[in-house]
Amino acid sequence: MAQNIKLIVYPVRDIEKAKAFYVRFLDAEPYVESANYIGYKVGNQEVGLDPNSKVGPIAYTDVADIKSSLKAMIEAGAEVVQDIKDVGGGLLIAQVRDADGNVVGLRCSG
């Protein structure tokens, strides 16, 4: 199912303070920036900051088919935290919780 884990998203309370920290920590400027998300590229890894999230960090794995991947996760005992959602540009994400309460994400380029 998983192609690769290429995105880790951290929940943040103060987006500007978090941005200043992660610019230094990652030694990189954001490649995308909005009031709802700031993203950094570090090699093949993306690090995101989400001021609207209450859980995290969340590792997102790239999948070829998000619907079938989400179904497989549910069949394996996962609880849906966030159903499939288009977050812009055709990028689809979903979040599930494992039996121990950890939240992981799926993402797929529509």
N, C-alpha and C. Protein backbone atom coordinates (compact mmCIF):
# COMPACT_ATOMS: atom_id res chain seq x y z
N MET A 1 0.82 -1.19 0.00
CA MET A 1 0.00 0.00 0.00
C MET A 1 0.87 1.26 0.00
N ALA A 2 1.78 1.39 0.94
CA ALA A 2 2.57 2.61 1.07
C ALA A 2 3.63 2.69 -0.02
N GLN A 3 3.79 3.85 -0.58
CA GLN A 3 4.87 4.08 -1.54
C GLN A 3 6.10 4.60 -0.81
N ASN A 4 5.89 5.52 0.12
CA ASN A 4 6.98 6.12 0.85
C ASN A 4 6.42 7.12 1.86
N ILE A 5 7.11 7.32 2.94
CA ILE A 5 6.72 8.38 3.88
C ILE A 5 7.57 9.59 3.52
N LYS A 6 6.92 10.59 2.95
CA LYS A 6 7.64 11.76 2.49
C LYS A 6 7.19 13.04 3.19
N LEU A 7 6.21 12.94 4.09
CA LEU A 7 5.67 14.14 4.73
C LEU A 7 5.45 13.89 6.20
N ILE A 8 5.94 14.80 7.01
CA ILE A 8 5.65 14.81 8.44
C ILE A 8 5.09 16.19 8.75
N VAL A 9 3.91 16.22 9.40
CA VAL A 9 3.25 17.47 9.72
C VAL A 9 3.20 17.65 11.23
N TYR A 10 3.66 18.80 11.68
CA TYR A 10 3.65 19.15 13.10
C TYR A 10 2.52 20.13 13.38
N PRO A 11 1.76 19.88 14.45
CA PRO A 11 0.77 20.88 14.85
C PRO A 11 1.51 22.04 15.53
N VAL A 12 1.10 23.25 15.25
CA VAL A 12 1.74 24.42 15.87
C VAL A 12 0.66 25.38 16.35
N ARG A 13 0.96 26.10 17.43
CA ARG A 13 0.00 27.09 17.97
C ARG A 13 0.24 28.47 17.37
N ASP A 14 1.49 28.86 17.24
CA ASP A 14 1.84 30.17 16.72
C ASP A 14 2.63 29.96 15.43
N ILE A 15 1.98 30.16 14.31
CA ILE A 15 2.58 29.85 13.01
C ILE A 15 3.84 30.67 12.74
N GLU A 16 3.88 31.91 13.15
CA GLU A 16 5.05 32.75 12.90
C GLU A 16 6.24 32.32 13.74
N LYS A 17 6.02 32.00 15.02
CA LYS A 17 7.11 31.51 15.86
C LYS A 17 7.61 30.16 15.35
N ALA A 18 6.67 29.30 14.96
CA ALA A 18 7.05 27.99 14.44
C ALA A 18 7.84 28.15 13.14
N LYS A 19 7.41 29.06 12.29
CA LYS A 19 8.12 29.29 11.03
C LYS A 19 9.56 29.70 11.30
N ALA A 20 9.77 30.63 12.21
CA ALA A 20 11.12 31.07 12.54
C ALA A 20 11.98 29.92 13.06
N PHE A 21 11.40 29.06 13.89
CA PHE A 21 12.12 27.91 14.42
C PHE A 21 12.50 26.93 13.31
N TYR A 22 11.53 26.56 12.48
CA TYR A 22 11.79 25.53 11.46
C TYR A 22 12.68 26.03 10.32
N VAL A 23 12.69 27.33 10.04
CA VAL A 23 13.64 27.87 9.07
C VAL A 23 15.06 27.61 9.56
N ARG A 24 15.28 27.83 10.84
CA ARG A 24 16.62 27.59 11.42
C ARG A 24 16.90 26.10 11.54
N PHE A 25 15.93 25.36 12.08
CA PHE A 25 16.11 23.93 12.33
C PHE A 25 16.39 23.16 11.03
N LEU A 26 15.64 23.46 9.98
CA LEU A 26 15.76 22.75 8.71
C LEU A 26 16.76 23.40 7.76
N ASP A 27 17.20 24.61 8.11
CA ASP A 27 18.09 25.39 7.24
C ASP A 27 17.49 25.50 5.84
N ALA A 28 16.19 25.84 5.82
CA ALA A 28 15.47 25.95 4.55
C ALA A 28 14.33 26.97 4.69
N GLU A 29 14.06 27.65 3.61
CA GLU A 29 12.90 28.56 3.56
C GLU A 29 11.69 27.76 3.11
N PRO A 30 10.48 28.18 3.49
CA PRO A 30 9.27 27.48 3.05
C PRO A 30 9.13 27.53 1.52
N TYR A 31 8.65 26.41 0.96
CA TYR A 31 8.35 26.42 -0.48
C TYR A 31 6.89 26.76 -0.71
N VAL A 32 6.07 26.62 0.33
CA VAL A 32 4.67 27.00 0.28
C VAL A 32 4.31 27.59 1.64
N GLU A 33 3.48 28.64 1.59
CA GLU A 33 3.14 29.33 2.83
C GLU A 33 1.75 29.93 2.73
N SER A 34 0.90 29.59 3.70
CA SER A 34 -0.43 30.19 3.80
C SER A 34 -0.79 30.27 5.27
N ALA A 35 -1.95 30.81 5.56
CA ALA A 35 -2.40 30.89 6.96
C ALA A 35 -2.71 29.51 7.53
N ASN A 36 -2.93 28.51 6.65
CA ASN A 36 -3.31 27.17 7.10
C ASN A 36 -2.20 26.13 7.01
N TYR A 37 -1.09 26.47 6.35
CA TYR A 37 -0.04 25.47 6.17
C TYR A 37 1.24 26.14 5.70
N ILE A 38 2.35 25.70 6.27
CA ILE A 38 3.67 26.09 5.79
C ILE A 38 4.42 24.81 5.50
N GLY A 39 5.01 24.72 4.31
CA GLY A 39 5.72 23.50 3.92
C GLY A 39 7.16 23.77 3.55
N TYR A 40 8.03 22.87 3.97
CA TYR A 40 9.46 22.93 3.67
C TYR A 40 9.86 21.66 2.93
N LYS A 41 10.77 21.78 2.00
CA LYS A 41 11.35 20.62 1.32
C LYS A 41 12.79 20.47 1.80
N VAL A 42 13.10 19.29 2.28
CA VAL A 42 14.45 18.97 2.73
C VAL A 42 14.82 17.66 2.05
N GLY A 43 15.54 17.74 0.94
CA GLY A 43 15.80 16.56 0.13
C GLY A 43 14.48 16.04 -0.42
N ASN A 44 14.20 14.75 -0.22
CA ASN A 44 12.94 14.16 -0.65
C ASN A 44 11.87 14.21 0.43
N GLN A 45 12.18 14.82 1.56
CA GLN A 45 11.26 14.88 2.70
C GLN A 45 10.57 16.23 2.73
N GLU A 46 9.27 16.22 3.04
CA GLU A 46 8.54 17.47 3.27
C GLU A 46 8.21 17.54 4.75
N VAL A 47 8.39 18.71 5.32
CA VAL A 47 8.00 18.97 6.70
C VAL A 47 6.96 20.08 6.66
N GLY A 48 5.81 19.82 7.27
CA GLY A 48 4.73 20.79 7.26
C GLY A 48 4.38 21.27 8.64
N LEU A 49 3.85 22.48 8.71
CA LEU A 49 3.36 23.07 9.95
C LEU A 49 1.88 23.36 9.77
N ASP A 50 1.06 22.89 10.70
CA ASP A 50 -0.39 23.04 10.60
C ASP A 50 -0.94 23.69 11.86
N PRO A 51 -1.35 24.96 11.79
CA PRO A 51 -1.88 25.64 12.97
C PRO A 51 -3.30 25.20 13.34
N ASN A 52 -3.93 24.38 12.51
CA ASN A 52 -5.30 23.95 12.78
C ASN A 52 -5.37 22.54 13.37
N SER A 53 -4.25 21.85 13.46
CA SER A 53 -4.24 20.47 13.95
C SER A 53 -4.09 20.41 15.46
N LYS A 54 -4.76 19.47 16.05
CA LYS A 54 -4.66 19.24 17.50
C LYS A 54 -3.90 17.95 17.80
N VAL A 55 -3.50 17.21 16.76
CA VAL A 55 -2.77 15.95 16.93
C VAL A 55 -1.49 16.01 16.12
N GLY A 56 -0.53 15.23 16.54
CA GLY A 56 0.67 15.15 15.75
C GLY A 56 1.89 14.96 16.61
N PRO A 57 3.03 14.82 15.97
CA PRO A 57 3.20 14.91 14.53
C PRO A 57 2.55 13.74 13.81
N ILE A 58 2.23 13.96 12.55
CA ILE A 58 1.58 12.94 11.72
C ILE A 58 2.48 12.65 10.53
N ALA A 59 2.83 11.38 10.36
CA ALA A 59 3.57 10.94 9.19
C ALA A 59 2.56 10.55 8.12
N TYR A 60 2.73 11.09 6.93
CA TYR A 60 1.85 10.77 5.80
C TYR A 60 2.60 9.87 4.84
N THR A 61 1.96 8.81 4.43
CA THR A 61 2.52 7.94 3.41
C THR A 61 1.81 8.18 2.09
N ASP A 62 2.57 8.18 1.03
CA ASP A 62 2.00 8.32 -0.30
C ASP A 62 1.40 6.99 -0.73
N VAL A 63 0.19 7.04 -1.26
CA VAL A 63 -0.49 5.84 -1.74
C VAL A 63 -0.98 6.09 -3.16
N ALA A 64 -1.13 5.01 -3.91
CA ALA A 64 -1.59 5.13 -5.29
C ALA A 64 -3.09 5.34 -5.36
N ASP A 65 -3.85 4.73 -4.45
CA ASP A 65 -5.31 4.79 -4.44
C ASP A 65 -5.77 5.03 -3.01
N ILE A 66 -6.13 6.26 -2.70
CA ILE A 66 -6.45 6.61 -1.32
C ILE A 66 -7.73 5.92 -0.82
N LYS A 67 -8.71 5.73 -1.71
CA LYS A 67 -9.95 5.09 -1.27
C LYS A 67 -9.71 3.64 -0.85
N SER A 68 -9.00 2.89 -1.67
CA SER A 68 -8.76 1.49 -1.31
C SER A 68 -7.79 1.38 -0.14
N SER A 69 -6.85 2.31 -0.04
CA SER A 69 -5.91 2.29 1.09
C SER A 69 -6.63 2.60 2.39
N LEU A 70 -7.53 3.57 2.38
CA LEU A 70 -8.30 3.90 3.57
C LEU A 70 -9.17 2.71 3.97
N LYS A 71 -9.80 2.08 3.01
CA LYS A 71 -10.63 0.90 3.28
C LYS A 71 -9.79 -0.21 3.93
N ALA A 72 -8.60 -0.44 3.40
CA ALA A 72 -7.72 -1.48 3.95
C ALA A 72 -7.32 -1.15 5.39
N MET A 73 -7.08 0.12 5.67
CA MET A 73 -6.72 0.52 7.04
C MET A 73 -7.88 0.28 8.01
N ILE A 74 -9.09 0.60 7.56
CA ILE A 74 -10.28 0.38 8.39
C ILE A 74 -10.45 -1.11 8.65
N GLU A 75 -10.27 -1.93 7.62
CA GLU A 75 -10.39 -3.38 7.78
C GLU A 75 -9.32 -3.93 8.73
N ALA A 76 -8.19 -3.23 8.84
CA ALA A 76 -7.12 -3.65 9.74
C ALA A 76 -7.33 -3.11 11.16
N GLY A 77 -8.46 -2.43 11.39
CA GLY A 77 -8.79 -1.97 12.73
C GLY A 77 -8.60 -0.49 12.99
N ALA A 78 -8.23 0.28 11.98
CA ALA A 78 -8.03 1.71 12.17
C ALA A 78 -9.36 2.44 12.30
N GLU A 79 -9.31 3.54 13.01
CA GLU A 79 -10.47 4.43 13.17
C GLU A 79 -10.20 5.69 12.34
N VAL A 80 -11.18 6.10 11.56
CA VAL A 80 -11.01 7.29 10.72
C VAL A 80 -11.03 8.54 11.60
N VAL A 81 -10.00 9.34 11.48
CA VAL A 81 -9.92 10.63 12.17
C VAL A 81 -10.40 11.72 11.22
N GLN A 82 -9.93 11.65 9.97
CA GLN A 82 -10.36 12.59 8.93
C GLN A 82 -10.57 11.80 7.65
N ASP A 83 -11.78 11.84 7.14
CA ASP A 83 -12.08 11.15 5.89
C ASP A 83 -11.32 11.83 4.75
N ILE A 84 -11.37 11.26 3.59
CA ILE A 84 -10.66 11.78 2.42
C ILE A 84 -11.09 13.23 2.16
N LYS A 85 -10.09 14.08 1.99
CA LYS A 85 -10.34 15.51 1.82
C LYS A 85 -9.36 16.05 0.78
N ASP A 86 -9.87 16.86 -0.14
CA ASP A 86 -9.02 17.55 -1.11
C ASP A 86 -8.50 18.81 -0.45
N VAL A 87 -7.19 18.91 -0.32
CA VAL A 87 -6.59 20.07 0.35
C VAL A 87 -6.03 21.08 -0.64
N GLY A 88 -6.35 20.90 -1.90
CA GLY A 88 -5.95 21.86 -2.92
C GLY A 88 -5.09 21.23 -3.99
N GLY A 89 -5.33 21.65 -5.20
CA GLY A 89 -4.54 21.16 -6.32
C GLY A 89 -4.70 19.68 -6.60
N GLY A 90 -5.82 19.11 -6.14
CA GLY A 90 -6.07 17.69 -6.36
C GLY A 90 -5.37 16.77 -5.38
N LEU A 91 -4.68 17.33 -4.39
CA LEU A 91 -4.02 16.51 -3.37
C LEU A 91 -5.06 16.05 -2.35
N LEU A 92 -5.17 14.72 -2.21
CA LEU A 92 -6.13 14.14 -1.28
C LEU A 92 -5.40 13.61 -0.06
N ILE A 93 -5.98 13.85 1.13
CA ILE A 93 -5.41 13.31 2.35
C ILE A 93 -6.51 12.66 3.19
N ALA A 94 -6.11 11.77 4.06
CA ALA A 94 -7.00 11.16 5.05
C ALA A 94 -6.13 10.82 6.26
N GLN A 95 -6.77 10.73 7.43
CA GLN A 95 -6.04 10.38 8.66
C GLN A 95 -6.78 9.26 9.37
N VAL A 96 -6.00 8.34 9.94
CA VAL A 96 -6.57 7.25 10.73
C VAL A 96 -5.80 7.12 12.04
N ARG A 97 -6.47 6.51 13.03
CA ARG A 97 -5.87 6.28 14.34
C ARG A 97 -5.68 4.78 14.52
N ASP A 98 -4.50 4.38 14.97
CA ASP A 98 -4.26 2.96 15.21
C ASP A 98 -4.81 2.57 16.59
N ALA A 99 -4.66 1.31 16.95
CA ALA A 99 -5.21 0.79 18.20
C ALA A 99 -4.60 1.45 19.43
N ASP A 100 -3.41 2.06 19.28
CA ASP A 100 -2.76 2.71 20.41
C ASP A 100 -2.99 4.22 20.45
N GLY A 101 -3.81 4.72 19.54
CA GLY A 101 -4.13 6.14 19.53
C GLY A 101 -3.24 7.00 18.65
N ASN A 102 -2.28 6.41 17.97
CA ASN A 102 -1.40 7.17 17.07
C ASN A 102 -2.13 7.50 15.78
N VAL A 103 -1.98 8.73 15.32
CA VAL A 103 -2.61 9.16 14.08
C VAL A 103 -1.56 9.13 12.97
N VAL A 104 -1.93 8.51 11.85
CA VAL A 104 -1.08 8.49 10.66
C VAL A 104 -1.92 8.96 9.48
N GLY A 105 -1.26 9.40 8.43
CA GLY A 105 -1.98 9.94 7.30
C GLY A 105 -1.67 9.23 6.01
N LEU A 106 -2.62 9.34 5.09
CA LEU A 106 -2.49 8.85 3.72
C LEU A 106 -2.61 10.07 2.82
N ARG A 107 -1.83 10.10 1.74
CA ARG A 107 -2.00 11.17 0.77
C ARG A 107 -1.81 10.63 -0.63
N CYS A 108 -2.52 11.27 -1.55
CA CYS A 108 -2.52 10.81 -2.94
C CYS A 108 -2.75 12.00 -3.85
N SER A 109 -1.99 12.10 -4.89
CA SER A 109 -2.21 13.14 -5.89
C SER A 109 -3.35 12.67 -6.78
N GLY A 110 -4.58 13.17 -6.43
CA GLY A 110 -5.82 12.86 -7.11
C GLY A 110 -5.66 12.18 -8.38
